[in-house]
Protein backbone atom coordinates (compact mmCIF):
# COMPACT_ATOMS: atom_id res chain seq x y z
CA MET A 1 3.76 49.38 21.93
CA THR A 2 0.57 47.59 20.94
CA ALA A 3 -2.86 48.62 22.12
CA VAL A 4 -3.01 45.60 24.44
CA GLU A 5 0.40 46.40 25.94
CA ARG A 6 -0.64 50.03 26.42
CA ALA A 7 -3.88 48.97 28.14
CA GLN A 8 -1.96 46.64 30.47
CA HIS A 9 0.52 49.39 31.29
CA VAL A 10 -2.32 51.81 32.10
CA ALA A 11 -4.05 49.18 34.26
CA ARG A 12 -0.80 48.43 36.12
CA ASP A 13 -0.18 52.15 36.68
CA THR A 14 -3.76 52.63 37.88
CA ILE A 15 -3.39 49.80 40.39
CA LEU A 16 -0.08 51.11 41.70
CA LYS A 17 -1.63 54.56 42.22
CA MET A 18 -4.29 52.96 44.46
CA LEU A 19 -1.66 52.02 47.02
CA SER A 20 -0.95 54.28 49.98
CA ASP A 21 2.64 54.98 51.01
CA GLU A 22 2.25 52.43 53.80
CA GLU A 23 0.96 49.79 51.38
CA ASN A 24 3.76 50.54 48.91
CA GLY A 25 6.22 49.88 51.72
CA LYS A 26 4.56 46.58 52.60
CA VAL A 27 4.53 45.50 48.93
CA SER A 28 8.24 46.35 48.66
CA GLN A 29 8.97 44.39 51.84
CA SER A 30 7.07 41.37 50.51
CA GLU A 31 9.18 41.45 47.34
CA GLY A 32 12.29 41.12 49.48
CA ALA A 33 10.83 38.45 51.75
CA ALA A 34 11.34 34.73 51.44
CA GLY A 35 8.20 34.35 49.30
CA LEU A 36 4.47 33.93 49.71
CA PRO A 37 2.88 31.31 51.94
CA ASP A 38 0.64 28.65 50.48
CA GLY A 39 -2.87 29.99 49.88
CA GLU A 40 -1.93 33.70 49.84
CA GLU A 41 -3.96 35.67 47.30
CA TYR A 42 -2.01 38.02 45.05
CA VAL A 43 -2.10 39.99 41.81
CA ASP A 44 0.80 39.68 39.37
CA LEU A 45 1.32 43.11 37.80
CA ASP A 46 3.04 41.50 34.83
CA HIS A 47 0.07 39.17 34.19
CA LEU A 48 -3.02 41.16 35.11
CA VAL A 49 -5.20 39.11 32.75
CA ALA A 50 -4.75 36.18 35.17
CA GLY A 51 -6.67 38.16 37.80
CA VAL A 52 -6.40 37.25 41.45
CA GLN A 53 -4.15 34.24 41.89
CA ILE A 54 -3.42 31.96 44.84
CA ALA A 55 0.12 30.96 45.81
CA LYS A 56 0.71 27.23 45.57
CA ALA A 57 3.00 25.86 48.27
CA PRO A 58 5.48 28.42 49.49
CA MET A 59 6.02 30.67 46.48
CA PRO A 60 9.76 31.25 45.97
CA ARG A 61 11.09 34.79 46.26
CA ALA A 62 12.29 34.67 42.64
CA LEU A 63 8.65 34.55 41.50
CA THR A 64 7.43 37.44 43.64
CA GLY A 65 9.04 40.36 41.81
CA HIS A 66 5.99 42.27 40.59
CA ILE A 67 3.15 41.10 42.74
CA ILE A 68 0.77 42.64 45.23
CA PRO A 69 -0.09 40.18 48.01
CA ARG A 70 -3.50 40.65 49.57
CA SER A 71 -1.91 40.74 53.01
CA ALA A 72 0.16 43.82 52.03
CA VAL A 73 -2.84 46.08 51.40
CA HIS A 74 -5.94 47.19 53.28
CA GLY A 75 -9.25 45.48 52.54
CA GLU A 76 -10.66 48.54 50.78
CA THR A 77 -7.60 48.79 48.52
CA TRP A 78 -7.82 45.08 47.70
CA SER A 79 -11.47 45.55 46.73
CA GLN A 80 -10.52 48.43 44.45
CA ILE A 81 -7.78 46.34 42.81
CA VAL A 82 -10.19 43.46 42.21
CA ALA A 83 -12.76 45.87 40.75
CA GLN A 84 -10.09 47.31 38.42
CA LEU A 85 -9.23 43.82 37.20
CA ALA A 86 -12.90 43.22 36.34
CA LEU A 87 -12.95 46.14 33.89
């Protein structure tokens, strides 16, 4: 594992630990849903360097495997995630 891969893994783990049990459940439900609506903000845990992204058109379910939609977490948690991405 390279240093960059290790750093991304640590960042992903840190973000996942920010989620409450309730939020984890909502994130899991969103992964099984039809997809994200147009304009929904999200973070892709596999591409953290992209930062906060916005779904274009309805985002197909196949593309939502490792994401955290803004609507699945509380405002304070979302702020913490965004702050983590800025590091």
